[in-house]
Amino acid sequence: MSATEATNTLTGTWKNGQVILDGPADWPEGCRVVVIRESLSDSLGTTGDEQAGDPESIARWIAAFDAIPPLEMTREEEAEWRAAREAQKAFEIARFEERARRIEALFP
């Protein structure tokens, strides 16, 4: 990256509908900018090295997985979650016949 590009390039994070810059910009007030999202593959998921099948890579993955803390809910949160699951189940059951007919119509 050239010195000109460095002074014209800033990074930041999209949060609550705004770009929050990682640092200050000494740009003139009111200057126009273009925002281009980084590739999701740069920030999400695993790399090929992290997906290796050798014993050391598998051990690292298991250790990282085991380090994830368990989900803990209050009784109220669990009751709300269970009610939402039941509501979704009822919704799916109520629409099953309609969806089945639509699928069958696709294969005359």
PDB file of N, CA and C in Angstrom:
ATOM      1  N   MET A   1       0.858  -1.170   0.000  1.00  0.00           N
ATOM      2  CA  MET A   1       0.000   0.000   0.000  1.00  0.00           C
ATOM      3  C   MET A   1       0.899   1.226   0.000  1.00  0.00           C
ATOM      4  N   SER A   2       0.617   2.165  -0.882  1.00  0.00           N
ATOM      5  CA  SER A   2       1.432   3.369  -0.968  1.00  0.00           C
ATOM      6  C   SER A   2       1.091   4.323   0.177  1.00  0.00           C
ATOM      7  N   ALA A   3       1.921   5.333   0.382  1.00  0.00           N
ATOM      8  CA  ALA A   3       1.675   6.321   1.446  1.00  0.00           C
ATOM      9  C   ALA A   3       0.371   7.063   1.200  1.00  0.00           C
ATOM     10  N   THR A   4       0.057   7.335  -0.083  1.00  0.00           N
ATOM     11  CA  THR A   4      -1.193   8.026  -0.411  1.00  0.00           C
ATOM     12  C   THR A   4      -2.393   7.155  -0.070  1.00  0.00           C
ATOM     13  N   GLU A   5      -2.308   5.860  -0.407  1.00  0.00           N
ATOM     14  CA  GLU A   5      -3.407   4.950  -0.085  1.00  0.00           C
ATOM     15  C   GLU A   5      -3.593   4.838   1.416  1.00  0.00           C
ATOM     16  N   ALA A   6      -2.492   4.818   2.171  1.00  0.00           N
ATOM     17  CA  ALA A   6      -2.581   4.689   3.623  1.00  0.00           C
ATOM     18  C   ALA A   6      -3.317   5.868   4.231  1.00  0.00           C
ATOM     19  N   THR A   7      -3.088   7.076   3.718  1.00  0.00           N
ATOM     20  CA  THR A   7      -3.765   8.245   4.283  1.00  0.00           C
ATOM     21  C   THR A   7      -5.194   8.364   3.779  1.00  0.00           C
ATOM     22  N   ASN A   8      -5.541   7.621   2.718  1.00  0.00           N
ATOM     23  CA  ASN A   8      -6.887   7.663   2.173  1.00  0.00           C
ATOM     24  C   ASN A   8      -7.700   6.417   2.519  1.00  0.00           C
ATOM     25  N   THR A   9      -7.140   5.524   3.322  1.00  0.00           N
ATOM     26  CA  THR A   9      -7.824   4.286   3.667  1.00  0.00           C
ATOM     27  C   THR A   9      -7.986   4.186   5.178  1.00  0.00           C
ATOM     28  N   LEU A  10      -9.210   3.977   5.596  1.00  0.00           N
ATOM     29  CA  LEU A  10      -9.501   3.766   7.009  1.00  0.00           C
ATOM     30  C   LEU A  10     -10.305   2.495   7.150  1.00  0.00           C
ATOM     31  N   THR A  11     -10.245   1.878   8.292  1.00  0.00           N
ATOM     32  CA  THR A  11     -11.054   0.703   8.566  1.00  0.00           C
ATOM     33  C   THR A  11     -12.029   1.028   9.688  1.00  0.00           C
ATOM     34  N   GLY A  12     -13.077   0.256   9.751  1.00  0.00           N
ATOM     35  CA  GLY A  12     -14.069   0.471  10.786  1.00  0.00           C
ATOM     36  C   GLY A  12     -15.023  -0.702  10.851  1.00  0.00           C
ATOM     37  N   THR A  13     -16.068  -0.530  11.648  1.00  0.00           N
ATOM     38  CA  THR A  13     -17.061  -1.576  11.859  1.00  0.00           C
ATOM     39  C   THR A  13     -18.447  -0.981  11.700  1.00  0.00           C
ATOM     40  N   TRP A  14     -19.323  -1.706  11.020  1.00  0.00           N
ATOM     41  CA  TRP A  14     -20.723  -1.300  10.854  1.00  0.00           C
ATOM     42  C   TRP A  14     -21.461  -1.644  12.138  1.00  0.00           C
ATOM     43  N   LYS A  15     -22.050  -0.639  12.798  1.00  0.00           N
ATOM     44  CA  LYS A  15     -22.755  -0.882  14.055  1.00  0.00           C
ATOM     45  C   LYS A  15     -23.916   0.097  14.169  1.00  0.00           C
ATOM     46  N   ASN A  16     -25.098  -0.448  14.395  1.00  0.00           N
ATOM     47  CA  ASN A  16     -26.307   0.369  14.567  1.00  0.00           C
ATOM     48  C   ASN A  16     -26.496   1.374  13.427  1.00  0.00           C
ATOM     49  N   GLY A  17     -26.245   0.914  12.209  1.00  0.00           N
ATOM     50  CA  GLY A  17     -26.487   1.755  11.044  1.00  0.00           C
ATOM     51  C   GLY A  17     -25.425   2.806  10.765  1.00  0.00           C
ATOM     52  N   GLN A  18     -24.287   2.701  11.413  1.00  0.00           N
ATOM     53  CA  GLN A  18     -23.216   3.677  11.194  1.00  0.00           C
ATOM     54  C   GLN A  18     -21.874   2.962  11.111  1.00  0.00           C
ATOM     55  N   VAL A  19     -20.923   3.591  10.428  1.00  0.00           N
ATOM     56  CA  VAL A  19     -19.565   3.073  10.394  1.00  0.00           C
ATOM     57  C   VAL A  19     -18.811   3.720  11.554  1.00  0.00           C
ATOM     58  N   ILE A  20     -18.280   2.889  12.442  1.00  0.00           N
ATOM     59  CA  ILE A  20     -17.461   3.365  13.552  1.00  0.00           C
ATOM     60  C   ILE A  20     -16.012   3.118  13.150  1.00  0.00           C
ATOM     61  N   LEU A  21     -15.271   4.199  12.939  1.00  0.00           N
ATOM     62  CA  LEU A  21     -13.895   4.080  12.475  1.00  0.00           C
ATOM     63  C   LEU A  21     -12.995   3.552  13.579  1.00  0.00           C
ATOM     64  N   ASP A  22     -11.969   2.803  13.174  1.00  0.00           N
ATOM     65  CA  ASP A  22     -11.009   2.268  14.130  1.00  0.00           C
ATOM     66  C   ASP A  22     -10.086   3.350  14.680  1.00  0.00           C
ATOM     67  N   GLY A  23      -9.999   4.463  14.008  1.00  0.00           N
ATOM     68  CA  GLY A  23      -9.135   5.555  14.460  1.00  0.00           C
ATOM     69  C   GLY A  23      -9.596   6.875  13.862  1.00  0.00           C
ATOM     70  N   PRO A  24      -8.920   7.968  14.217  1.00  0.00           N
ATOM     71  CA  PRO A  24      -9.323   9.282  13.708  1.00  0.00           C
ATOM     72  C   PRO A  24      -8.982   9.453  12.229  1.00  0.00           C
ATOM     73  N   ALA A  25      -9.727  10.319  11.576  1.00  0.00           N
ATOM     74  CA  ALA A  25      -9.469  10.670  10.170  1.00  0.00           C
ATOM     75  C   ALA A  25      -9.154  12.154  10.107  1.00  0.00           C
ATOM     76  N   ASP A  26      -8.063  12.495   9.443  1.00  0.00           N
ATOM     77  CA  ASP A  26      -7.727  13.918   9.299  1.00  0.00           C
ATOM     78  C   ASP A  26      -8.168  14.425   7.933  1.00  0.00           C
ATOM     79  N   TRP A  27      -9.359  14.021   7.536  1.00  0.00           N
ATOM     80  CA  TRP A  27      -9.917  14.411   6.253  1.00  0.00           C
ATOM     81  C   TRP A  27     -10.730  15.689   6.424  1.00  0.00           C
ATOM     82  N   PRO A  28     -10.891  16.449   5.342  1.00  0.00           N
ATOM     83  CA  PRO A  28     -11.691  17.682   5.434  1.00  0.00           C
ATOM     84  C   PRO A  28     -13.165  17.356   5.685  1.00  0.00           C
ATOM     85  N   GLU A  29     -13.804  18.153   6.501  1.00  0.00           N
ATOM     86  CA  GLU A  29     -15.223  17.976   6.812  1.00  0.00           C
ATOM     87  C   GLU A  29     -16.037  18.011   5.526  1.00  0.00           C
ATOM     88  N   GLY A  30     -16.967  17.083   5.388  1.00  0.00           N
ATOM     89  CA  GLY A  30     -17.861  17.056   4.241  1.00  0.00           C
ATOM     90  C   GLY A  30     -17.333  16.309   3.031  1.00  0.00           C
ATOM     91  N   CYS A  31     -16.123  15.733   3.119  1.00  0.00           N
ATOM     92  CA  CYS A  31     -15.602  15.010   1.958  1.00  0.00           C
ATOM     93  C   CYS A  31     -16.413  13.740   1.757  1.00  0.00           C
ATOM     94  N   ARG A  32     -16.566  13.338   0.510  1.00  0.00           N
ATOM     95  CA  ARG A  32     -17.340  12.138   0.169  1.00  0.00           C
ATOM     96  C   ARG A  32     -16.466  10.906   0.375  1.00  0.00           C
ATOM     97  N   VAL A  33     -17.092   9.783   0.753  1.00  0.00           N
ATOM     98  CA  VAL A  33     -16.377   8.535   0.959  1.00  0.00           C
ATOM     99  C   VAL A  33     -17.136   7.411   0.288  1.00  0.00           C
ATOM    100  N   VAL A  34     -16.449   6.305   0.072  1.00  0.00           N
ATOM    101  CA  VAL A  34     -17.045   5.086  -0.440  1.00  0.00           C
ATOM    102  C   VAL A  34     -16.760   3.999   0.591  1.00  0.00           C
ATOM    103  N   VAL A  35     -17.790   3.267   0.984  1.00  0.00           N
ATOM    104  CA  VAL A  35     -17.630   2.186   1.958  1.00  0.00           C
ATOM    105  C   VAL A  35     -17.815   0.864   1.233  1.00  0.00           C
ATOM    106  N   ILE A  36     -16.813  -0.013   1.341  1.00  0.00           N
ATOM    107  CA  ILE A  36     -16.868  -1.329   0.717  1.00  0.00           C
ATOM    108  C   ILE A  36     -16.689  -2.365   1.821  1.00  0.00           C
ATOM    109  N   ARG A  37     -17.650  -3.270   1.923  1.00  0.00           N
ATOM    110  CA  ARG A  37     -17.582  -4.297   2.962  1.00  0.00           C
ATOM    111  C   ARG A  37     -16.480  -5.294   2.651  1.00  0.00           C
ATOM    112  N   GLU A  38     -15.723  -5.676   3.668  1.00  0.00           N
ATOM    113  CA  GLU A  38     -14.722  -6.723   3.498  1.00  0.00           C
ATOM    114  C   GLU A  38     -15.427  -8.042   3.251  1.00  0.00           C
ATOM    115  N   SER A  39     -14.742  -8.926   2.580  1.00  0.00           N
ATOM    116  CA  SER A  39     -15.288 -10.248   2.319  1.00  0.00           C
ATOM    117  C   SER A  39     -15.566 -10.957   3.635  1.00  0.00           C
ATOM    118  N   LEU A  40     -16.719 -11.623   3.722  1.00  0.00           N
ATOM    119  CA  LEU A  40     -17.045 -12.366   4.932  1.00  0.00           C
ATOM    120  C   LEU A  40     -16.038 -13.467   5.191  1.00  0.00           C
ATOM    121  N   SER A  41     -15.457 -13.992   4.131  1.00  0.00           N
ATOM    122  CA  SER A  41     -14.490 -15.072   4.317  1.00  0.00           C
ATOM    123  C   SER A  41     -13.247 -14.569   5.036  1.00  0.00           C
ATOM    124  N   ASP A  42     -13.026 -13.252   5.032  1.00  0.00           N
ATOM    125  CA  ASP A  42     -11.881 -12.696   5.740  1.00  0.00           C
ATOM    126  C   ASP A  42     -12.110 -12.649   7.246  1.00  0.00           C
ATOM    127  N   SER A  43     -13.383 -12.677   7.669  1.00  0.00           N
ATOM    128  CA  SER A  43     -13.634 -12.472   9.081  1.00  0.00           C
ATOM    129  C   SER A  43     -14.463 -13.573   9.737  1.00  0.00           C
ATOM    130  N   LEU A  44     -15.057 -14.459   8.958  1.00  0.00           N
ATOM    131  CA  LEU A  44     -15.900 -15.497   9.524  1.00  0.00           C
ATOM    132  C   LEU A  44     -15.418 -16.871   9.102  1.00  0.00           C
ATOM    133  N   GLY A  45     -15.759 -17.853   9.887  1.00  0.00           N
ATOM    134  CA  GLY A  45     -15.455 -19.225   9.520  1.00  0.00           C
ATOM    135  C   GLY A  45     -14.036 -19.611   9.857  1.00  0.00           C
ATOM    136  N   THR A  46     -13.618 -20.696   9.263  1.00  0.00           N
ATOM    137  CA  THR A  46     -12.285 -21.217   9.526  1.00  0.00           C
ATOM    138  C   THR A  46     -11.478 -21.238   8.241  1.00  0.00           C
ATOM    139  N   THR A  47     -10.188 -21.229   8.396  1.00  0.00           N
ATOM    140  CA  THR A  47      -9.297 -21.291   7.243  1.00  0.00           C
ATOM    141  C   THR A  47      -9.011 -22.748   6.919  1.00  0.00           C
ATOM    142  N   GLY A  48      -8.391 -22.985   5.792  1.00  0.00           N
ATOM    143  CA  GLY A  48      -8.020 -24.338   5.420  1.00  0.00           C
ATOM    144  C   GLY A  48      -7.084 -24.964   6.447  1.00  0.00           C
ATOM    145  N   ASP A  49      -6.172 -24.153   6.995  1.00  0.00           N
ATOM    146  CA  ASP A  49      -5.263 -24.669   8.009  1.00  0.00           C
ATOM    147  C   ASP A  49      -6.013 -25.118   9.253  1.00  0.00           C
ATOM    148  N   GLU A  50      -7.076 -24.403   9.598  1.00  0.00           N
ATOM    149  CA  GLU A  50      -7.853 -24.733  10.789  1.00  0.00           C
ATOM    150  C   GLU A  50      -8.741 -25.960  10.560  1.00  0.00           C
ATOM    151  N   GLN A  51      -8.904 -26.370   9.310  1.00  0.00           N
ATOM    152  CA  GLN A  51      -9.744 -27.505   8.992  1.00  0.00           C
ATOM    153  C   GLN A  51      -8.924 -28.762   8.706  1.00  0.00           C
ATOM    154  N   ALA A  52      -7.648 -28.713   8.978  1.00  0.00           N
ATOM    155  CA  ALA A  52      -6.778 -29.849   8.691  1.00  0.00           C
ATOM    156  C   ALA A  52      -7.214 -31.067   9.496  1.00  0.00           C
ATOM    157  N   GLY A  53      -6.915 -32.248   8.990  1.00  0.00           N
ATOM    158  CA  GLY A  53      -7.338 -33.480   9.631  1.00  0.00           C
ATOM    159  C   GLY A  53      -6.260 -34.148  10.470  1.00  0.00           C
ATOM    160  N   ASP A  54      -5.124 -33.467  10.652  1.00  0.00           N
ATOM    161  CA  ASP A  54      -4.070 -34.098  11.448  1.00  0.00           C
ATOM    162  C   ASP A  54      -4.448 -34.049  12.932  1.00  0.00           C
ATOM    163  N   PRO A  55      -3.884 -34.931  13.741  1.00  0.00           N
ATOM    164  CA  PRO A  55      -4.259 -35.009  15.162  1.00  0.00           C
ATOM    165  C   PRO A  55      -4.092 -33.697  15.928  1.00  0.00           C
ATOM    166  N   GLU A  56      -3.050 -32.926  15.610  1.00  0.00           N
ATOM    167  CA  GLU A  56      -2.824 -31.663  16.321  1.00  0.00           C
ATOM    168  C   GLU A  56      -3.937 -30.657  16.011  1.00  0.00           C
ATOM    169  N   SER A  57      -4.332 -30.562  14.736  1.00  0.00           N
ATOM    170  CA  SER A  57      -5.406 -29.635  14.356  1.00  0.00           C
ATOM    171  C   SER A  57      -6.729 -30.051  14.983  1.00  0.00           C
ATOM    172  N   ILE A  58      -6.998 -31.340  14.995  1.00  0.00           N
ATOM    173  CA  ILE A  58      -8.235 -31.832  15.602  1.00  0.00           C
ATOM    174  C   ILE A  58      -8.233 -31.536  17.098  1.00  0.00           C
ATOM    175  N   ALA A  59      -7.102 -31.742  17.753  1.00  0.00           N
ATOM    176  CA  ALA A  59      -6.996 -31.462  19.194  1.00  0.00           C
ATOM    177  C   ALA A  59      -7.222 -29.976  19.472  1.00  0.00           C
ATOM    178  N   ARG A  60      -6.665 -29.093  18.613  1.00  0.00           N
ATOM    179  CA  ARG A  60      -6.881 -27.644  18.786  1.00  0.00           C
ATOM    180  C   ARG A  60      -8.354 -27.308  18.634  1.00  0.00           C
ATOM    181  N   TRP A  61      -9.016 -27.919  17.644  1.00  0.00           N
ATOM    182  CA  TRP A  61     -10.431 -27.646  17.417  1.00  0.00           C
ATOM    183  C   TRP A  61     -11.258 -28.114  18.614  1.00  0.00           C
ATOM    184  N   ILE A  62     -10.979 -29.294  19.115  1.00  0.00           N
ATOM    185  CA  ILE A  62     -11.725 -29.815  20.269  1.00  0.00           C
ATOM    186  C   ILE A  62     -11.507 -28.921  21.482  1.00  0.00           C
ATOM    187  N   ALA A  63     -10.271 -28.480  21.698  1.00  0.00           N
ATOM    188  CA  ALA A  63      -9.992 -27.600  22.838  1.00  0.00           C
ATOM    189  C   ALA A  63     -10.742 -26.280  22.693  1.00  0.00           C
ATOM    190  N   ALA A  64     -10.778 -25.719  21.484  1.00  0.00           N
ATOM    191  CA  ALA A  64     -11.513 -24.465  21.265  1.00  0.00           C
ATOM    192  C   ALA A  64     -13.002 -24.678  21.482  1.00  0.00           C
ATOM    193  N   PHE A  65     -13.518 -25.808  21.017  1.00  0.00           N
ATOM    194  CA  PHE A  65     -14.936 -26.114  21.200  1.00  0.00           C
ATOM    195  C   PHE A  65     -15.263 -26.283  22.676  1.00  0.00           C
ATOM    196  N   ASP A  66     -14.429 -27.015  23.386  1.00  0.00           N
ATOM    197  CA  ASP A  66     -14.660 -27.246  24.811  1.00  0.00           C
ATOM    198  C   ASP A  66     -14.562 -25.961  25.633  1.00  0.00           C
ATOM    199  N   ALA A  67     -13.857 -24.952  25.108  1.00  0.00           N
ATOM    200  CA  ALA A  67     -13.705 -23.689  25.833  1.00  0.00           C
ATOM    201  C   ALA A  67     -14.948 -22.796  25.733  1.00  0.00           C
ATOM    202  N   ILE A  68     -15.894 -23.146  24.859  1.00  0.00           N
ATOM    203  CA  ILE A  68     -17.118 -22.356  24.728  1.00  0.00           C
ATOM    204  C   ILE A  68     -17.946 -22.556  25.986  1.00  0.00           C
ATOM    205  N   PRO A  69     -18.291 -21.448  26.665  1.00  0.00           N
ATOM    206  CA  PRO A  69     -19.059 -21.604  27.904  1.00  0.00           C
ATOM    207  C   PRO A  69     -20.477 -22.091  27.606  1.00  0.00           C
ATOM    208  N   PRO A  70     -21.066 -22.856  28.530  1.00  0.00           N
ATOM    209  CA  PRO A  70     -22.429 -23.351  28.308  1.00  0.00           C
ATOM    210  C   PRO A  70     -23.446 -22.209  28.334  1.00  0.00           C
ATOM    211  N   LEU A  71     -24.525 -22.402  27.610  1.00  0.00           N
ATOM    212  CA  LEU A  71     -25.605 -21.428  27.605  1.00  0.00           C
ATOM    213  C   LEU A  71     -26.398 -21.596  28.889  1.00  0.00           C
ATOM    214  N   GLU A  72     -26.562 -20.529  29.615  1.00  0.00           N
ATOM    215  CA  GLU A  72     -27.337 -20.576  30.844  1.00  0.00           C
ATOM    216  C   GLU A  72     -28.481 -19.587  30.727  1.00  0.00           C
ATOM    217  N   MET A  73     -29.686 -20.061  31.035  1.00  0.00           N
ATOM    218  CA  MET A  73     -30.872 -19.218  30.970  1.00  0.00           C
ATOM    219  C   MET A  73     -31.534 -19.170  32.337  1.00  0.00           C
ATOM    220  N   THR A  74     -32.177 -18.041  32.590  1.00  0.00           N
ATOM    221  CA  THR A  74     -33.002 -17.967  33.787  1.00  0.00           C
ATOM    222  C   THR A  74     -34.255 -18.800  33.530  1.00  0.00           C
ATOM    223  N   ARG A  75     -35.022 -19.067  34.580  1.00  0.00           N
ATOM    224  CA  ARG A  75     -36.265 -19.819  34.406  1.00  0.00           C
ATOM    225  C   ARG A  75     -37.210 -19.084  33.459  1.00  0.00           C
ATOM    226  N   GLU A  76     -37.238 -17.749  33.569  1.00  0.00           N
ATOM    227  CA  GLU A  76     -38.108 -16.961  32.705  1.00  0.00           C
ATOM    228  C   GLU A  76     -37.666 -17.058  31.249  1.00  0.00           C
ATOM    229  N   GLU A  77     -36.358 -16.967  31.007  1.00  0.00           N
ATOM    230  CA  GLU A  77     -35.844 -17.075  29.641  1.00  0.00           C
ATOM    231  C   GLU A  77     -36.133 -18.452  29.061  1.00  0.00           C
ATOM    232  N   GLU A  78     -35.958 -19.488  29.878  1.00  0.00           N
ATOM    233  CA  GLU A  78     -36.227 -20.840  29.387  1.00  0.00           C
ATOM    234  C   GLU A  78     -37.710 -21.022  29.080  1.00  0.00           C
ATOM    235  N   ALA A  79     -38.573 -20.475  29.934  1.00  0.00           N
ATOM    236  CA  ALA A  79     -40.018 -20.572  29.688  1.00  0.00           C
ATOM    237  C   ALA A  79     -40.384 -19.840  28.399  1.00  0.00           C
ATOM    238  N   GLU A  80     -39.789 -18.670  28.173  1.00  0.00           N
ATOM    239  CA  GLU A  80     -40.043 -17.914  26.942  1.00  0.00           C
ATOM    240  C   GLU A  80     -39.552 -18.684  25.723  1.00  0.00           C
ATOM    241  N   TRP A  81     -38.387 -19.298  25.836  1.00  0.00           N
ATOM    242  CA  TRP A  81     -37.822 -20.086  24.743  1.00  0.00           C
ATOM    243  C   TRP A  81     -38.702 -21.284  24.425  1.00  0.00           C
ATOM    244  N   ARG A  82     -39.156 -21.992  25.470  1.00  0.00           N
ATOM    245  CA  ARG A  82     -40.028 -23.146  25.259  1.00  0.00           C
ATOM    246  C   ARG A  82     -41.358 -22.735  24.620  1.00  0.00           C
ATOM    247  N   ALA A  83     -41.914 -21.607  25.054  1.00  0.00           N
ATOM    248  CA  ALA A  83     -43.174 -21.114  24.479  1.00  0.00           C
ATOM    249  C   ALA A  83     -42.982 -20.770  23.006  1.00  0.00           C
ATOM    250  N   ALA A  84     -41.851 -20.161  22.676  1.00  0.00           N
ATOM    251  CA  ALA A  84     -41.573 -19.814  21.278  1.00  0.00           C
ATOM    252  C   ALA A  84     -41.428 -21.076  20.433  1.00  0.00           C
ATOM    253  N   ARG A  85     -40.785 -22.116  20.966  1.00  0.00           N
ATOM    254  CA  ARG A  85     -40.663 -23.392  20.244  1.00  0.00           C
ATOM    255  C   ARG A  85     -42.028 -24.007  19.998  1.00  0.00           C
ATOM    256  N   GLU A  86     -42.888 -23.990  21.007  1.00  0.00           N
ATOM    257  CA  GLU A  86     -44.232 -24.554  20.853  1.00  0.00           C
ATOM    258  C   GLU A  86     -45.039 -23.761  19.832  1.00  0.00           C
ATOM    259  N   ALA A  87     -44.898 -22.435  19.853  1.00  0.00           N
ATOM    260  CA  ALA A  87     -45.617 -21.596  18.893  1.00  0.00           C
ATOM    261  C   ALA A  87     -45.137 -21.891  17.470  1.00  0.00           C
ATOM    262  N   GLN A  88     -43.843 -22.058  17.292  1.00  0.00           N
ATOM    263  CA  GLN A  88     -43.302 -22.369  15.968  1.00  0.00           C
ATOM    264  C   GLN A  88     -43.779 -23.744  15.506  1.00  0.00           C
ATOM    265  N   LYS A  89     -43.798 -24.708  16.419  1.00  0.00           N
ATOM    266  CA  LYS A  89     -44.273 -26.051  16.094  1.00  0.00           C
ATOM    267  C   LYS A  89     -45.734 -26.004  15.642  1.00  0.00           C
ATOM    268  N   ALA A  90     -46.570 -25.264  16.377  1.00  0.00           N
ATOM    269  CA  ALA A  90     -47.987 -25.145  16.012  1.00  0.00           C
ATOM    270  C   ALA A  90     -48.132 -24.478  14.650  1.00  0.00           C
ATOM    271  N   PHE A  91     -47.325 -23.471  14.380  1.00  0.00           N
ATOM    272  CA  PHE A  91     -47.349 -22.769  13.095  1.00  0.00           C
ATOM    273  C   PHE A  91     -47.016 -23.736  11.961  1.00  0.00           C
ATOM    274  N   GLU A  92     -45.951 -24.528  12.148  1.00  0.00           N
ATOM    275  CA  GLU A  92     -45.537 -25.476  11.110  1.00  0.00           C
ATOM    276  C   GLU A  92     -46.600 -26.549  10.885  1.00  0.00           C
ATOM    277  N   ILE A  93     -47.187 -27.074  11.951  1.00  0.00           N
ATOM    278  CA  ILE A  93     -48.218 -28.104  11.820  1.00  0.00           C
ATOM    279  C   ILE A  93     -49.442 -27.552  11.107  1.00  0.00           C
ATOM    280  N   ALA A  94     -49.834 -26.321  11.436  1.00  0.00           N
ATOM    281  CA  ALA A  94     -51.026 -25.719  10.838  1.00  0.00           C
ATOM    282  C   ALA A  94     -50.855 -25.510   9.338  1.00  0.00           C
ATOM    283  N   ARG A  95     -49.649 -25.322   8.878  1.00  0.00           N
ATOM    284  CA  ARG A  95     -49.419 -25.048   7.455  1.00  0.00           C
ATOM    285  C   ARG A  95     -48.894 -26.251   6.683  1.00  0.00           C
ATOM    286  N   PHE A  96     -48.763 -27.379   7.346  1.00  0.00           N
ATOM    287  CA  PHE A  96     -48.188 -28.552   6.694  1.00  0.00           C
ATOM    288  C   PHE A  96     -48.993 -28.977   5.472  1.00  0.00           C
ATOM    289  N   GLU A  97     -50.309 -29.131   5.609  1.00  0.00           N
ATOM    290  CA  GLU A  97     -51.133 -29.611   4.498  1.00  0.00           C
ATOM    291  C   GLU A  97     -51.038 -28.675   3.307  1.00  0.00           C
ATOM    292  N   GLU A  98     -51.097 -27.380   3.555  1.00  0.00           N
ATOM    293  CA  GLU A  98     -50.998 -26.398   2.460  1.00  0.00           C
ATOM    294  C   GLU A  98     -49.664 -26.535   1.738  1.00  0.00           C
ATOM    295  N   ARG A  99     -48.583 -26.639   2.481  1.00  0.00           N
ATOM    296  CA  ARG A  99     -47.263 -26.772   1.872  1.00  0.00           C
ATOM    297  C   ARG A  99     -47.149 -28.090   1.106  1.00  0.00           C
ATOM    298  N   ALA A 100     -47.694 -29.158   1.656  1.00  0.00           N
ATOM    299  CA  ALA A 100     -47.640 -30.451   0.973  1.00  0.00           C
ATOM    300  C   ALA A 100     -48.372 -30.369  -0.360  1.00  0.00           C
ATOM    301  N   ARG A 101     -49.542 -29.725  -0.401  1.00  0.00           N
ATOM    302  CA  ARG A 101     -50.293 -29.580  -1.654  1.00  0.00           C
ATOM    303  C   ARG A 101     -49.499 -28.764  -2.671  1.00  0.00           C
ATOM    304  N   ARG A 102     -48.839 -27.702  -2.214  1.00  0.00           N
ATOM    305  CA  ARG A 102     -48.061 -26.878  -3.133  1.00  0.00           C
ATOM    306  C   ARG A 102     -46.884 -27.666  -3.710  1.00  0.00           C
ATOM    307  N   ILE A 103     -46.267 -28.485  -2.899  1.00  0.00           N
ATOM    308  CA  ILE A 103     -45.152 -29.309  -3.393  1.00  0.00           C
ATOM    309  C   ILE A 103     -45.661 -30.356  -4.367  1.00  0.00           C
ATOM    310  N   GLU A 104     -46.777 -31.001  -4.029  1.00  0.00           N
ATOM    311  CA  GLU A 104     -47.339 -32.014  -4.930  1.00  0.00           C
ATOM    312  C   GLU A 104     -47.729 -31.398  -6.271  1.00  0.00           C
ATOM    313  N   ALA A 105     -48.174 -30.164  -6.277  1.00  0.00           N
ATOM    314  CA  ALA A 105     -48.565 -29.491  -7.518  1.00  0.00           C
ATOM    315  C   ALA A 105     -47.358 -29.246  -8.422  1.00  0.00           C
ATOM    316  N   LEU A 106     -46.184 -29.221  -7.857  1.00  0.00           N
ATOM    317  CA  LEU A 106     -44.977 -29.019  -8.663  1.00  0.00           C
ATOM    318  C   LEU A 106     -44.615 -30.258  -9.476  1.00  0.00           C
ATOM    319  N   PHE A 107     -45.166 -31.415  -9.083  1.00  0.00           N
ATOM    320  CA  PHE A 107     -44.856 -32.674  -9.746  1.00  0.00           C
ATOM    321  C   PHE A 107     -46.135 -33.340 -10.242  1.00  0.00           C
ATOM    322  N   PRO A 108     -46.690 -32.812 -11.366  1.00  0.00           N
ATOM    323  CA  PRO A 108     -47.962 -33.359 -11.868  1.00  0.00           C
ATOM    324  C   PRO A 108     -47.853 -34.778 -12.368  1.00  0.00           C
TER     325      PRO A 108
END
